[in-house]
Amino acid sequence: MNQVFARARFEAHTQTEYDILRSGWDPTKLRRGIDALERISDDEFDDLFYEYYMALHDPTRLKDEYDIGPDTAEVEGDPRIALVIKSFCITDQNEIVSDLPLFVFYSSEQADKNYTAGPDPDCPSSTTEIPSMLPPFKDAPEDFIYPEDFRGLMINNLICQIRDIYRNMGERPPKQYDIDGFGKPHGNFDR
């Protein structure tokens, strides 16, 4: 039933003038985000996404920054960062005009759902929010090169999000998006 509902929402969004899907659930908008990431220089990429890269390597800082500890978090036990989202805002010309603070989902072994921390992303009204969502790195390969490989990982994530939008509707994704990688997480991660 959820797949039918997801497909109906997608059709209403794409076939009418109603804008009912969040940009993170619209394959066309995510594709525009890929174009924007491919266009920017390494220096611009570094300015926008180095903090995100470091947070994925060591999410402990986020726990401190957002006061996610055993005594302060909404979960029992030791909270762990499950997912880090870094959204950026693009124009109609697919140019990145701003980035947003990191937003995290956390949980614990005892919890059956995820909780959030961080400011809600909010792009200016004339722009589109593009969310990159990745779990913290467990063991990044030693030959992982920043920024090249990280840009590729973010692009892979957006492609896989598009893949998962189609799968969420019970459909096979278009071939160019049917790849391996981390896309939309399972669980209560939709914000």
C-alpha atoms as a PDB file:
ATOM      1  CA  MET A   1       0.000   0.000   0.000  1.00  0.00           C
ATOM      2  CA  ASN A   2       2.862   2.393   0.750  1.00  0.00           C
ATOM      3  CA  GLN A   3       4.214   1.901  -2.770  1.00  0.00           C
ATOM      4  CA  VAL A   4       0.847   2.805  -4.292  1.00  0.00           C
ATOM      5  CA  PHE A   5       0.657   5.902  -2.095  1.00  0.00           C
ATOM      6  CA  ALA A   6       4.232   6.903  -3.020  1.00  0.00           C
ATOM      7  CA  ARG A   7       3.485   6.435  -6.725  1.00  0.00           C
ATOM      8  CA  ALA A   8       0.263   8.476  -6.475  1.00  0.00           C
ATOM      9  CA  ARG A   9       2.092  11.335  -4.752  1.00  0.00           C
ATOM     10  CA  PHE A  10       4.836  11.202  -7.392  1.00  0.00           C
ATOM     11  CA  GLU A  11       2.291  11.327 -10.228  1.00  0.00           C
ATOM     12  CA  ALA A  12       0.385  14.202  -8.613  1.00  0.00           C
ATOM     13  CA  HIS A  13       3.655  16.085  -8.187  1.00  0.00           C
ATOM     14  CA  THR A  14       4.908  15.539 -11.736  1.00  0.00           C
ATOM     15  CA  GLN A  15       1.613  15.708 -13.640  1.00  0.00           C
ATOM     16  CA  THR A  16      -0.066  18.691 -11.952  1.00  0.00           C
ATOM     17  CA  GLU A  17       0.934  22.164 -10.844  1.00  0.00           C
ATOM     18  CA  TYR A  18       0.995  21.047  -7.198  1.00  0.00           C
ATOM     19  CA  ASP A  19       4.417  20.922  -5.565  1.00  0.00           C
ATOM     20  CA  ILE A  20       3.768  18.192  -2.977  1.00  0.00           C
ATOM     21  CA  LEU A  21       7.093  16.341  -2.766  1.00  0.00           C
ATOM     22  CA  ARG A  22      10.099  17.529  -0.830  1.00  0.00           C
ATOM     23  CA  SER A  23      13.019  18.162  -3.165  1.00  0.00           C
ATOM     24  CA  GLY A  24      14.808  15.119  -1.706  1.00  0.00           C
ATOM     25  CA  TRP A  25      12.012  12.931  -3.111  1.00  0.00           C
ATOM     26  CA  ASP A  26      11.987  14.491  -6.595  1.00  0.00           C
ATOM     27  CA  PRO A  27      14.430  12.723  -8.968  1.00  0.00           C
ATOM     28  CA  THR A  28      14.598  15.759 -11.268  1.00  0.00           C
ATOM     29  CA  LYS A  29      15.741  18.010  -8.440  1.00  0.00           C
ATOM     30  CA  LEU A  30      18.275  15.477  -7.151  1.00  0.00           C
ATOM     31  CA  ARG A  31      19.656  15.191 -10.709  1.00  0.00           C
ATOM     32  CA  ARG A  32      20.092  18.980 -10.692  1.00  0.00           C
ATOM     33  CA  GLY A  33      22.045  18.595  -7.444  1.00  0.00           C
ATOM     34  CA  ILE A  34      24.374  16.128  -9.165  1.00  0.00           C
ATOM     35  CA  ASP A  35      24.956  18.652 -11.953  1.00  0.00           C
ATOM     36  CA  ALA A  36      25.738  21.342  -9.377  1.00  0.00           C
ATOM     37  CA  LEU A  37      28.279  19.138  -7.572  1.00  0.00           C
ATOM     38  CA  GLU A  38      29.969  18.227 -10.857  1.00  0.00           C
ATOM     39  CA  ARG A  39      30.339  21.907 -11.830  1.00  0.00           C
ATOM     40  CA  ILE A  40      31.990  23.464  -8.800  1.00  0.00           C
ATOM     41  CA  SER A  41      35.743  23.801  -8.431  1.00  0.00           C
ATOM     42  CA  ASP A  42      37.723  21.819  -5.870  1.00  0.00           C
ATOM     43  CA  ASP A  43      38.215  25.001  -3.816  1.00  0.00           C
ATOM     44  CA  GLU A  44      34.472  25.728  -3.746  1.00  0.00           C
ATOM     45  CA  PHE A  45      33.766  22.101  -2.897  1.00  0.00           C
ATOM     46  CA  ASP A  46      36.270  22.229  -0.047  1.00  0.00           C
ATOM     47  CA  ASP A  47      34.744  25.433   1.356  1.00  0.00           C
ATOM     48  CA  LEU A  48      31.255  23.914   1.311  1.00  0.00           C
ATOM     49  CA  PHE A  49      31.824  20.295   2.292  1.00  0.00           C
ATOM     50  CA  TYR A  50      35.055  19.857   4.272  1.00  0.00           C
ATOM     51  CA  GLU A  51      33.164  20.099   7.586  1.00  0.00           C
ATOM     52  CA  TYR A  52      30.784  17.376   6.352  1.00  0.00           C
ATOM     53  CA  TYR A  53      33.710  15.145   5.382  1.00  0.00           C
ATOM     54  CA  MET A  54      35.316  15.586   8.799  1.00  0.00           C
ATOM     55  CA  ALA A  55      32.014  14.945  10.612  1.00  0.00           C
ATOM     56  CA  LEU A  56      31.632  11.636   8.777  1.00  0.00           C
ATOM     57  CA  HIS A  57      35.165  10.654   9.817  1.00  0.00           C
ATOM     58  CA  ASP A  58      34.634  11.630  13.448  1.00  0.00           C
ATOM     59  CA  PRO A  59      30.995  12.116  14.478  1.00  0.00           C
ATOM     60  CA  THR A  60      32.063  12.596  18.124  1.00  0.00           C
ATOM     61  CA  ARG A  61      32.337  16.335  17.519  1.00  0.00           C
ATOM     62  CA  LEU A  62      28.692  16.400  16.408  1.00  0.00           C
ATOM     63  CA  LYS A  63      27.634  14.632  19.592  1.00  0.00           C
ATOM     64  CA  ASP A  64      29.393  17.363  21.569  1.00  0.00           C
ATOM     65  CA  GLU A  65      28.133  20.227  19.396  1.00  0.00           C
ATOM     66  CA  TYR A  66      24.506  19.072  19.481  1.00  0.00           C
ATOM     67  CA  ASP A  67      24.641  17.875  23.109  1.00  0.00           C
ATOM     68  CA  ILE A  68      23.907  14.242  22.282  1.00  0.00           C
ATOM     69  CA  GLY A  69      25.164  12.353  25.309  1.00  0.00           C
ATOM     70  CA  PRO A  70      24.001   9.528  27.580  1.00  0.00           C
ATOM     71  CA  ASP A  71      22.428  12.020  29.992  1.00  0.00           C
ATOM     72  CA  THR A  72      21.044  14.510  27.476  1.00  0.00           C
ATOM     73  CA  ALA A  73      19.879  12.501  24.446  1.00  0.00           C
ATOM     74  CA  GLU A  74      16.325  11.290  23.926  1.00  0.00           C
ATOM     75  CA  VAL A  75      17.485   7.656  23.869  1.00  0.00           C
ATOM     76  CA  GLU A  76      18.488   5.240  26.585  1.00  0.00           C
ATOM     77  CA  GLY A  77      22.093   4.126  26.613  1.00  0.00           C
ATOM     78  CA  ASP A  78      24.971   5.537  24.644  1.00  0.00           C
ATOM     79  CA  PRO A  79      23.668   7.427  21.596  1.00  0.00           C
ATOM     80  CA  ARG A  80      25.344   6.880  18.238  1.00  0.00           C
ATOM     81  CA  ILE A  81      25.169   9.012  15.121  1.00  0.00           C
ATOM     82  CA  ALA A  82      23.253   7.012  12.487  1.00  0.00           C
ATOM     83  CA  LEU A  83      23.161   9.509   9.620  1.00  0.00           C
ATOM     84  CA  VAL A  84      24.591  12.941   8.811  1.00  0.00           C
ATOM     85  CA  ILE A  85      22.780  15.183   6.335  1.00  0.00           C
ATOM     86  CA  LYS A  86      24.435  18.093   4.578  1.00  0.00           C
ATOM     87  CA  SER A  87      22.004  20.056   2.435  1.00  0.00           C
ATOM     88  CA  PHE A  88      22.939  22.701  -0.076  1.00  0.00           C
ATOM     89  CA  CYS A  89      20.806  25.191  -1.973  1.00  0.00           C
ATOM     90  CA  ILE A  90      20.880  25.517  -5.755  1.00  0.00           C
ATOM     91  CA  THR A  91      19.444  28.042  -8.184  1.00  0.00           C
ATOM     92  CA  ASP A  92      17.393  27.227 -11.273  1.00  0.00           C
ATOM     93  CA  GLN A  93      20.733  27.261 -13.142  1.00  0.00           C
ATOM     94  CA  ASN A  94      22.071  24.497 -10.830  1.00  0.00           C
ATOM     95  CA  GLU A  95      24.557  26.774  -9.098  1.00  0.00           C
ATOM     96  CA  ILE A  96      25.210  26.200  -5.412  1.00  0.00           C
ATOM     97  CA  VAL A  97      24.454  29.465  -3.627  1.00  0.00           C
ATOM     98  CA  SER A  98      24.578  28.346  -0.004  1.00  0.00           C
ATOM     99  CA  ASP A  99      24.991  25.388   2.255  1.00  0.00           C
ATOM    100  CA  LEU A 100      23.152  24.543   5.443  1.00  0.00           C
ATOM    101  CA  PRO A 101      24.332  23.369   8.865  1.00  0.00           C
ATOM    102  CA  LEU A 102      24.763  19.661   9.443  1.00  0.00           C
ATOM    103  CA  PHE A 103      21.656  17.799  10.560  1.00  0.00           C
ATOM    104  CA  VAL A 104      21.983  14.447  12.316  1.00  0.00           C
ATOM    105  CA  PHE A 105      19.902  11.404  13.125  1.00  0.00           C
ATOM    106  CA  TYR A 106      20.960   9.434  16.169  1.00  0.00           C
ATOM    107  CA  SER A 107      19.843   6.330  17.998  1.00  0.00           C
ATOM    108  CA  SER A 108      21.150   3.703  20.417  1.00  0.00           C
ATOM    109  CA  GLU A 109      21.145  -0.068  20.645  1.00  0.00           C
ATOM    110  CA  GLN A 110      18.128   0.103  22.964  1.00  0.00           C
ATOM    111  CA  ALA A 111      16.108   2.515  20.785  1.00  0.00           C
ATOM    112  CA  ASP A 112      13.679   1.385  18.109  1.00  0.00           C
ATOM    113  CA  LYS A 113      13.620   4.698  16.268  1.00  0.00           C
ATOM    114  CA  ASN A 114      15.883   7.588  15.345  1.00  0.00           C
ATOM    115  CA  TYR A 115      15.984  11.069  16.813  1.00  0.00           C
ATOM    116  CA  THR A 116      17.211  14.301  15.262  1.00  0.00           C
ATOM    117  CA  ALA A 117      19.552  17.090  16.241  1.00  0.00           C
ATOM    118  CA  GLY A 118      20.610  20.258  14.493  1.00  0.00           C
ATOM    119  CA  PRO A 119      18.810  23.152  12.885  1.00  0.00           C
ATOM    120  CA  ASP A 120      16.136  22.342  10.327  1.00  0.00           C
ATOM    121  CA  PRO A 121      17.454  23.015   6.829  1.00  0.00           C
ATOM    122  CA  ASP A 122      15.861  26.021   5.188  1.00  0.00           C
ATOM    123  CA  CYS A 123      16.934  27.246   1.757  1.00  0.00           C
ATOM    124  CA  PRO A 124      15.891  30.658   0.441  1.00  0.00           C
ATOM    125  CA  SER A 125      12.525  30.489  -1.345  1.00  0.00           C
ATOM    126  CA  SER A 126      13.963  30.935  -4.836  1.00  0.00           C
ATOM    127  CA  THR A 127      16.323  27.955  -4.438  1.00  0.00           C
ATOM    128  CA  THR A 128      16.073  24.172  -4.150  1.00  0.00           C
ATOM    129  CA  GLU A 129      17.389  22.144  -1.212  1.00  0.00           C
ATOM    130  CA  ILE A 130      19.530  19.138  -2.144  1.00  0.00           C
ATOM    131  CA  PRO A 131      20.217  16.756   0.780  1.00  0.00           C
ATOM    132  CA  SER A 132      23.304  14.558   0.851  1.00  0.00           C
ATOM    133  CA  MET A 133      22.750  11.879   3.507  1.00  0.00           C
ATOM    134  CA  LEU A 134      25.469   9.499   4.592  1.00  0.00           C
ATOM    135  CA  PRO A 135      26.218   7.341   7.617  1.00  0.00           C
ATOM    136  CA  PRO A 136      29.504   8.021   9.427  1.00  0.00           C
ATOM    137  CA  PHE A 137      32.512   6.283   7.898  1.00  0.00           C
ATOM    138  CA  LYS A 138      33.321   2.982   9.581  1.00  0.00           C
ATOM    139  CA  ASP A 139      36.597   2.275   7.805  1.00  0.00           C
ATOM    140  CA  ALA A 140      37.386   4.662   4.982  1.00  0.00           C
ATOM    141  CA  PRO A 141      39.892   3.127   2.561  1.00  0.00           C
ATOM    142  CA  GLU A 142      43.420   4.434   3.016  1.00  0.00           C
ATOM    143  CA  ASP A 143      43.547   5.446  -0.632  1.00  0.00           C
ATOM    144  CA  PHE A 144      40.394   7.598  -0.304  1.00  0.00           C
ATOM    145  CA  ILE A 145      41.380  10.997  -1.716  1.00  0.00           C
ATOM    146  CA  TYR A 146      39.727  14.191  -0.580  1.00  0.00           C
ATOM    147  CA  PRO A 147      38.124  16.067  -2.288  1.00  0.00           C
ATOM    148  CA  GLU A 148      37.888  13.925  -5.446  1.00  0.00           C
ATOM    149  CA  ASP A 149      36.628  10.706  -3.882  1.00  0.00           C
ATOM    150  CA  PHE A 150      34.352  12.506  -1.447  1.00  0.00           C
ATOM    151  CA  ARG A 151      32.714  14.466  -4.272  1.00  0.00           C
ATOM    152  CA  GLY A 152      32.226  11.139  -6.060  1.00  0.00           C
ATOM    153  CA  LEU A 153      30.708   9.639  -2.906  1.00  0.00           C
ATOM    154  CA  MET A 154      28.249  12.534  -2.594  1.00  0.00           C
ATOM    155  CA  ILE A 155      27.277  12.182  -6.266  1.00  0.00           C
ATOM    156  CA  ASN A 156      26.883   8.419  -5.784  1.00  0.00           C
ATOM    157  CA  ASN A 157      24.624   9.120  -2.790  1.00  0.00           C
ATOM    158  CA  LEU A 158      22.361  11.397  -4.858  1.00  0.00           C
ATOM    159  CA  ILE A 159      22.199   8.824  -7.682  1.00  0.00           C
ATOM    160  CA  CYS A 160      21.294   6.126  -5.150  1.00  0.00           C
ATOM    161  CA  GLN A 161      18.641   8.371  -3.614  1.00  0.00           C
ATOM    162  CA  ILE A 162      17.057   8.614  -7.070  1.00  0.00           C
ATOM    163  CA  ARG A 163      17.278   4.814  -7.349  1.00  0.00           C
ATOM    164  CA  ASP A 164      15.541   4.423  -3.998  1.00  0.00           C
ATOM    165  CA  ILE A 165      12.738   6.830  -4.918  1.00  0.00           C
ATOM    166  CA  TYR A 166      11.788   4.493  -7.780  1.00  0.00           C
ATOM    167  CA  ARG A 167      12.170   1.401  -5.592  1.00  0.00           C
ATOM    168  CA  ASN A 168       9.987   3.062  -2.945  1.00  0.00           C
ATOM    169  CA  MET A 169       7.252   3.230  -5.599  1.00  0.00           C
ATOM    170  CA  GLY A 170       7.728  -0.460  -6.445  1.00  0.00           C
ATOM    171  CA  GLU A 171       9.408   0.332  -9.764  1.00  0.00           C
ATOM    172  CA  ARG A 172      12.707  -0.574 -11.326  1.00  0.00           C
ATOM    173  CA  PRO A 173      14.859   2.567 -11.508  1.00  0.00           C
ATOM    174  CA  PRO A 174      16.156   3.822 -14.859  1.00  0.00           C
ATOM    175  CA  LYS A 175      19.380   1.975 -15.738  1.00  0.00           C
ATOM    176  CA  GLN A 176      21.683   4.950 -15.096  1.00  0.00           C
ATOM    177  CA  TYR A 177      20.418   5.131 -11.491  1.00  0.00           C
ATOM    178  CA  ASP A 178      20.313   1.390 -10.742  1.00  0.00           C
ATOM    179  CA  ILE A 179      23.743   1.259  -9.095  1.00  0.00           C
ATOM    180  CA  ASP A 180      25.195   0.074  -5.792  1.00  0.00           C
ATOM    181  CA  GLY A 181      25.644   2.489  -2.929  1.00  0.00           C
ATOM    182  CA  PHE A 182      23.955   4.206  -0.013  1.00  0.00           C
ATOM    183  CA  GLY A 183      20.839   6.172  -0.962  1.00  0.00           C
ATOM    184  CA  LYS A 184      17.726   6.627   1.136  1.00  0.00           C
ATOM    185  CA  PRO A 185      18.106   5.003   4.554  1.00  0.00           C
ATOM    186  CA  HIS A 186      15.535   2.601   5.961  1.00  0.00           C
ATOM    187  CA  GLY A 187      13.636   3.718   9.040  1.00  0.00           C
ATOM    188  CA  ASN A 188      12.148   6.992  10.211  1.00  0.00           C
ATOM    189  CA  PHE A 189      14.637   9.278   8.464  1.00  0.00           C
ATOM    190  CA  ASP A 190      12.230  11.410   6.417  1.00  0.00           C
ATOM    191  CA  ARG A 191      12.113  14.918   7.771  1.00  0.00           C
END
